[in-house]
Amino acid sequence: MTQLTQTADAYKSAYDALKSAEEALAKARTTLEADYALAGITRHATSDGHMVAVEQVERREFDIDALLVHAPNAFDKVTALKVEPKKFDAEVKAGTITAQAVAQVVTVKPHTRITVGVAV
């Protein structure tokens, strides 16, 4: 077996493990959310002391076309291949992007985030 074959095999093995882990994580997430909802809780400690929490958060989505129309002076400052939220917020704070433009450009969508951290 050549070095390149070993390298390709190692990558394929890691790739397969990642895909398998992603599938297991998705199944565990579904079960976790259902069990937490049934118990009426949003966080619980694991046996090794880590906290697993289900949090409702918001994720902003930006309408690029509306941003160009409503805040053309800030467009190049806040976009690369996508709008960069920190730069967008800085331009809102600076007044380059108005509240009216924000209302036309930003859509806030709810998102469930699961975090794992050390129990307090």
N, C-alpha and C. Protein backbone atom coordinates (compact mmCIF):
# COMPACT_ATOMS: atom_id res chain seq x y z
N MET A 1 0.85 -1.18 0.00
CA MET A 1 0.00 0.00 0.00
C MET A 1 0.90 1.24 0.00
N THR A 2 0.60 2.19 -0.87
CA THR A 2 1.42 3.39 -0.98
C THR A 2 1.04 4.40 0.10
N GLN A 3 1.91 5.38 0.30
CA GLN A 3 1.66 6.45 1.27
C GLN A 3 0.40 7.22 0.89
N LEU A 4 0.22 7.47 -0.40
CA LEU A 4 -0.97 8.21 -0.84
C LEU A 4 -2.25 7.42 -0.59
N THR A 5 -2.19 6.12 -0.77
CA THR A 5 -3.36 5.28 -0.48
C THR A 5 -3.66 5.30 1.01
N GLN A 6 -2.62 5.24 1.84
CA GLN A 6 -2.82 5.31 3.29
C GLN A 6 -3.42 6.65 3.69
N THR A 7 -2.93 7.73 3.08
CA THR A 7 -3.46 9.05 3.38
C THR A 7 -4.92 9.16 2.95
N ALA A 8 -5.22 8.66 1.75
CA ALA A 8 -6.61 8.69 1.27
C ALA A 8 -7.51 7.83 2.15
N ASP A 9 -7.01 6.66 2.54
CA ASP A 9 -7.78 5.78 3.42
C ASP A 9 -8.05 6.43 4.77
N ALA A 10 -7.03 7.10 5.31
CA ALA A 10 -7.18 7.77 6.61
C ALA A 10 -8.23 8.87 6.52
N TYR A 11 -8.19 9.62 5.43
CA TYR A 11 -9.18 10.68 5.25
C TYR A 11 -10.58 10.09 5.12
N LYS A 12 -10.72 9.06 4.30
CA LYS A 12 -12.02 8.41 4.10
C LYS A 12 -12.56 7.85 5.41
N SER A 13 -11.69 7.27 6.20
CA SER A 13 -12.09 6.73 7.50
C SER A 13 -12.59 7.84 8.42
N ALA A 14 -11.86 8.96 8.46
CA ALA A 14 -12.28 10.10 9.29
C ALA A 14 -13.59 10.68 8.77
N TYR A 15 -13.72 10.76 7.46
CA TYR A 15 -14.94 11.27 6.84
C TYR A 15 -16.14 10.40 7.21
N ASP A 16 -15.97 9.07 7.10
CA ASP A 16 -17.04 8.15 7.47
C ASP A 16 -17.41 8.29 8.94
N ALA A 17 -16.40 8.43 9.80
CA ALA A 17 -16.66 8.60 11.24
C ALA A 17 -17.42 9.89 11.50
N LEU A 18 -17.05 10.94 10.79
CA LEU A 18 -17.74 12.23 10.95
C LEU A 18 -19.20 12.10 10.53
N LYS A 19 -19.46 11.49 9.40
CA LYS A 19 -20.84 11.33 8.94
C LYS A 19 -21.66 10.50 9.93
N SER A 20 -21.05 9.44 10.44
CA SER A 20 -21.72 8.59 11.42
C SER A 20 -22.01 9.38 12.70
N ALA A 21 -21.05 10.17 13.14
CA ALA A 21 -21.22 10.99 14.34
C ALA A 21 -22.30 12.05 14.13
N GLU A 22 -22.35 12.65 12.94
CA GLU A 22 -23.38 13.65 12.65
C GLU A 22 -24.77 13.03 12.70
N GLU A 23 -24.91 11.81 12.18
CA GLU A 23 -26.20 11.11 12.23
C GLU A 23 -26.59 10.80 13.67
N ALA A 24 -25.63 10.32 14.46
CA ALA A 24 -25.90 10.01 15.87
C ALA A 24 -26.26 11.27 16.64
N LEU A 25 -25.58 12.37 16.34
CA LEU A 25 -25.86 13.64 17.01
C LEU A 25 -27.26 14.13 16.67
N ALA A 26 -27.66 14.01 15.42
CA ALA A 26 -29.01 14.44 15.01
C ALA A 26 -30.08 13.63 15.73
N LYS A 27 -29.88 12.32 15.83
CA LYS A 27 -30.85 11.47 16.55
C LYS A 27 -30.87 11.83 18.03
N ALA A 28 -29.71 12.03 18.63
CA ALA A 28 -29.63 12.38 20.05
C ALA A 28 -30.29 13.73 20.31
N ARG A 29 -30.12 14.68 19.38
CA ARG A 29 -30.73 16.00 19.53
C ARG A 29 -32.25 15.89 19.54
N THR A 30 -32.79 15.11 18.62
CA THR A 30 -34.24 14.93 18.56
C THR A 30 -34.77 14.34 19.87
N THR A 31 -34.09 13.33 20.37
CA THR A 31 -34.49 12.69 21.62
C THR A 31 -34.35 13.66 22.79
N LEU A 32 -33.23 14.39 22.83
CA LEU A 32 -32.99 15.37 23.90
C LEU A 32 -34.08 16.42 23.94
N GLU A 33 -34.39 17.01 22.79
CA GLU A 33 -35.43 18.05 22.75
C GLU A 33 -36.78 17.50 23.19
N ALA A 34 -37.11 16.29 22.75
CA ALA A 34 -38.39 15.69 23.13
C ALA A 34 -38.44 15.38 24.62
N ASP A 35 -37.37 14.80 25.16
CA ASP A 35 -37.34 14.45 26.58
C ASP A 35 -37.36 15.70 27.47
N TYR A 36 -36.62 16.73 27.08
CA TYR A 36 -36.63 17.97 27.85
C TYR A 36 -38.02 18.59 27.83
N ALA A 37 -38.66 18.61 26.66
CA ALA A 37 -40.00 19.19 26.56
C ALA A 37 -40.99 18.41 27.43
N LEU A 38 -40.89 17.09 27.41
CA LEU A 38 -41.76 16.25 28.21
C LEU A 38 -41.56 16.51 29.70
N ALA A 39 -40.30 16.73 30.10
CA ALA A 39 -39.99 16.99 31.51
C ALA A 39 -40.21 18.45 31.89
N GLY A 40 -40.42 19.32 30.90
CA GLY A 40 -40.62 20.74 31.18
C GLY A 40 -39.36 21.45 31.63
N ILE A 41 -38.21 21.01 31.13
CA ILE A 41 -36.93 21.62 31.51
C ILE A 41 -36.19 22.10 30.26
N THR A 42 -35.17 22.93 30.47
CA THR A 42 -34.34 23.39 29.36
C THR A 42 -32.87 23.05 29.56
N ARG A 43 -32.52 22.53 30.73
CA ARG A 43 -31.13 22.17 30.98
C ARG A 43 -31.05 21.05 32.00
N HIS A 44 -29.99 20.24 31.88
CA HIS A 44 -29.80 19.14 32.81
C HIS A 44 -28.33 18.75 32.78
N ALA A 45 -27.80 18.33 33.91
CA ALA A 45 -26.40 17.95 34.00
C ALA A 45 -26.20 16.50 33.57
N THR A 46 -25.06 16.25 32.94
CA THR A 46 -24.68 14.89 32.57
C THR A 46 -24.04 14.22 33.78
N SER A 47 -23.78 12.93 33.68
CA SER A 47 -23.18 12.20 34.80
C SER A 47 -21.77 12.68 35.11
N ASP A 48 -21.09 13.31 34.14
CA ASP A 48 -19.72 13.80 34.41
C ASP A 48 -19.68 15.29 34.73
N GLY A 49 -20.85 15.89 34.98
CA GLY A 49 -20.89 17.28 35.46
C GLY A 49 -21.04 18.35 34.40
N HIS A 50 -21.19 17.98 33.15
CA HIS A 50 -21.41 18.98 32.10
C HIS A 50 -22.90 19.32 32.01
N MET A 51 -23.19 20.55 31.67
CA MET A 51 -24.57 21.00 31.53
C MET A 51 -24.95 20.96 30.06
N VAL A 52 -26.09 20.34 29.74
CA VAL A 52 -26.60 20.32 28.37
C VAL A 52 -27.89 21.14 28.39
N ALA A 53 -27.90 22.22 27.61
CA ALA A 53 -29.04 23.14 27.63
C ALA A 53 -29.64 23.29 26.24
N VAL A 54 -30.95 23.42 26.20
CA VAL A 54 -31.67 23.73 24.96
C VAL A 54 -32.13 25.17 25.11
N GLU A 55 -31.66 26.03 24.22
CA GLU A 55 -31.95 27.46 24.31
C GLU A 55 -32.66 27.93 23.06
N GLN A 56 -33.64 28.79 23.23
CA GLN A 56 -34.30 29.44 22.10
C GLN A 56 -33.56 30.75 21.85
N VAL A 57 -32.98 30.87 20.70
CA VAL A 57 -32.24 32.08 20.33
C VAL A 57 -32.76 32.57 18.99
N GLU A 58 -32.32 33.75 18.60
CA GLU A 58 -32.74 34.31 17.32
C GLU A 58 -31.55 34.42 16.40
N ARG A 59 -31.77 34.16 15.15
CA ARG A 59 -30.74 34.26 14.12
C ARG A 59 -31.23 35.26 13.08
N ARG A 60 -30.40 36.24 12.79
CA ARG A 60 -30.80 37.24 11.79
C ARG A 60 -30.42 36.77 10.39
N GLU A 61 -31.31 37.07 9.44
CA GLU A 61 -31.02 36.85 8.04
C GLU A 61 -31.14 38.19 7.34
N PHE A 62 -30.25 38.44 6.41
CA PHE A 62 -30.19 39.74 5.75
C PHE A 62 -30.62 39.63 4.30
N ASP A 63 -31.43 40.58 3.85
CA ASP A 63 -31.85 40.67 2.46
C ASP A 63 -30.85 41.58 1.75
N ILE A 64 -29.97 40.99 0.98
CA ILE A 64 -28.90 41.73 0.33
C ILE A 64 -29.44 42.81 -0.61
N ASP A 65 -30.47 42.47 -1.40
CA ASP A 65 -31.04 43.44 -2.33
C ASP A 65 -31.64 44.63 -1.60
N ALA A 66 -32.35 44.36 -0.50
CA ALA A 66 -32.94 45.45 0.28
C ALA A 66 -31.86 46.31 0.92
N LEU A 67 -30.78 45.68 1.38
CA LEU A 67 -29.67 46.45 1.97
C LEU A 67 -29.08 47.40 0.93
N LEU A 68 -28.90 46.95 -0.27
CA LEU A 68 -28.33 47.78 -1.32
C LEU A 68 -29.24 48.97 -1.62
N VAL A 69 -30.56 48.76 -1.59
CA VAL A 69 -31.51 49.84 -1.85
C VAL A 69 -31.58 50.81 -0.67
N HIS A 70 -31.65 50.29 0.55
CA HIS A 70 -31.93 51.13 1.72
C HIS A 70 -30.69 51.68 2.41
N ALA A 71 -29.53 51.10 2.17
CA ALA A 71 -28.30 51.60 2.80
C ALA A 71 -27.12 51.40 1.84
N PRO A 72 -27.17 52.02 0.67
CA PRO A 72 -26.12 51.79 -0.32
C PRO A 72 -24.74 52.23 0.14
N ASN A 73 -24.67 53.26 1.00
CA ASN A 73 -23.37 53.73 1.48
C ASN A 73 -22.68 52.74 2.41
N ALA A 74 -23.46 51.86 3.02
CA ALA A 74 -22.89 50.88 3.94
C ALA A 74 -22.70 49.51 3.30
N PHE A 75 -23.26 49.31 2.13
CA PHE A 75 -23.28 47.98 1.51
C PHE A 75 -21.89 47.35 1.44
N ASP A 76 -20.94 48.06 0.86
CA ASP A 76 -19.59 47.50 0.72
C ASP A 76 -18.89 47.30 2.06
N LYS A 77 -19.27 48.09 3.05
CA LYS A 77 -18.63 47.99 4.37
C LYS A 77 -19.08 46.76 5.15
N VAL A 78 -20.29 46.29 4.88
CA VAL A 78 -20.84 45.20 5.70
C VAL A 78 -21.00 43.88 4.96
N THR A 79 -20.61 43.84 3.71
CA THR A 79 -20.77 42.59 2.97
C THR A 79 -19.44 42.10 2.42
N ALA A 80 -19.33 40.82 2.35
CA ALA A 80 -18.24 40.15 1.64
C ALA A 80 -18.99 39.24 0.68
N LEU A 81 -19.01 37.95 0.97
CA LEU A 81 -19.90 37.06 0.23
C LEU A 81 -21.27 37.03 0.91
N LYS A 82 -21.31 37.55 2.13
CA LYS A 82 -22.55 37.64 2.89
C LYS A 82 -22.43 38.86 3.80
N VAL A 83 -23.52 39.26 4.42
CA VAL A 83 -23.47 40.38 5.36
C VAL A 83 -22.75 39.93 6.61
N GLU A 84 -21.82 40.73 7.07
CA GLU A 84 -21.10 40.43 8.30
C GLU A 84 -21.82 41.15 9.45
N PRO A 85 -22.49 40.40 10.34
CA PRO A 85 -23.33 41.01 11.37
C PRO A 85 -22.62 42.05 12.24
N LYS A 86 -21.38 41.82 12.63
CA LYS A 86 -20.69 42.79 13.49
C LYS A 86 -20.46 44.11 12.75
N LYS A 87 -20.08 44.02 11.49
CA LYS A 87 -19.88 45.24 10.70
C LYS A 87 -21.22 45.93 10.45
N PHE A 88 -22.26 45.13 10.21
CA PHE A 88 -23.60 45.68 10.02
C PHE A 88 -24.01 46.46 11.26
N ASP A 89 -23.84 45.86 12.44
CA ASP A 89 -24.20 46.52 13.69
C ASP A 89 -23.40 47.80 13.90
N ALA A 90 -22.14 47.79 13.51
CA ALA A 90 -21.30 48.98 13.65
C ALA A 90 -21.82 50.12 12.77
N GLU A 91 -22.28 49.78 11.57
CA GLU A 91 -22.82 50.81 10.67
C GLU A 91 -24.18 51.32 11.16
N VAL A 92 -24.97 50.45 11.80
CA VAL A 92 -26.22 50.90 12.41
C VAL A 92 -25.90 51.88 13.53
N LYS A 93 -24.94 51.52 14.36
CA LYS A 93 -24.53 52.38 15.48
C LYS A 93 -23.98 53.72 14.98
N ALA A 94 -23.26 53.68 13.86
CA ALA A 94 -22.69 54.90 13.30
C ALA A 94 -23.73 55.76 12.59
N GLY A 95 -24.91 55.19 12.33
CA GLY A 95 -25.97 55.94 11.67
C GLY A 95 -25.98 55.81 10.15
N THR A 96 -25.06 55.04 9.61
CA THR A 96 -25.02 54.84 8.16
C THR A 96 -26.20 54.01 7.70
N ILE A 97 -26.64 53.09 8.55
CA ILE A 97 -27.83 52.27 8.26
C ILE A 97 -28.91 52.71 9.23
N THR A 98 -30.03 53.17 8.70
CA THR A 98 -31.12 53.67 9.54
C THR A 98 -31.98 52.53 10.08
N ALA A 99 -32.79 52.85 11.08
CA ALA A 99 -33.72 51.87 11.64
C ALA A 99 -34.70 51.40 10.57
N GLN A 100 -35.11 52.31 9.68
CA GLN A 100 -36.01 51.93 8.59
C GLN A 100 -35.32 50.93 7.67
N ALA A 101 -34.05 51.13 7.38
CA ALA A 101 -33.31 50.20 6.53
C ALA A 101 -33.18 48.84 7.22
N VAL A 102 -32.91 48.85 8.53
CA VAL A 102 -32.80 47.60 9.29
C VAL A 102 -34.11 46.81 9.17
N ALA A 103 -35.23 47.51 9.31
CA ALA A 103 -36.54 46.85 9.23
C ALA A 103 -36.77 46.22 7.86
N GLN A 104 -36.22 46.81 6.81
CA GLN A 104 -36.38 46.28 5.46
C GLN A 104 -35.39 45.18 5.12
N VAL A 105 -34.27 45.17 5.81
CA VAL A 105 -33.16 44.28 5.46
C VAL A 105 -33.08 43.03 6.31
N VAL A 106 -33.40 43.14 7.60
CA VAL A 106 -33.15 42.06 8.54
C VAL A 106 -34.43 41.29 8.86
N THR A 107 -34.33 39.98 8.79
CA THR A 107 -35.39 39.09 9.25
C THR A 107 -34.82 38.28 10.39
N VAL A 108 -35.49 38.28 11.52
CA VAL A 108 -35.02 37.52 12.68
C VAL A 108 -35.82 36.23 12.74
N LYS A 109 -35.11 35.11 12.75
CA LYS A 109 -35.77 33.81 12.79
C LYS A 109 -35.37 33.08 14.06
N PRO A 110 -36.34 32.44 14.73
CA PRO A 110 -36.00 31.67 15.92
C PRO A 110 -35.17 30.45 15.55
N HIS A 111 -34.32 30.08 16.45
CA HIS A 111 -33.41 28.96 16.23
C HIS A 111 -33.17 28.28 17.56
N THR A 112 -33.16 26.97 17.58
CA THR A 112 -32.88 26.24 18.82
C THR A 112 -31.41 25.87 18.82
N ARG A 113 -30.74 26.25 19.90
CA ARG A 113 -29.31 25.96 20.04
C ARG A 113 -29.15 25.05 21.25
N ILE A 114 -28.34 24.03 21.11
CA ILE A 114 -28.03 23.16 22.24
C ILE A 114 -26.57 23.39 22.61
N THR A 115 -26.35 23.68 23.87
CA THR A 115 -24.99 23.94 24.34
C THR A 115 -24.59 22.90 25.38
N VAL A 116 -23.31 22.63 25.42
CA VAL A 116 -22.75 21.73 26.41
C VAL A 116 -21.66 22.49 27.12
N GLY A 117 -21.76 22.58 28.44
CA GLY A 117 -20.76 23.29 29.22
C GLY A 117 -20.59 22.64 30.58
N VAL A 118 -19.71 23.22 31.36
CA VAL A 118 -19.45 22.70 32.70
C VAL A 118 -20.59 23.09 33.61
N ALA A 119 -21.09 22.15 34.40
CA ALA A 119 -22.17 22.42 35.35
C ALA A 119 -21.70 23.39 36.40
N VAL A 120 -22.63 24.22 36.83
CA VAL A 120 -22.31 25.21 37.87
C VAL A 120 -22.74 24.68 39.22
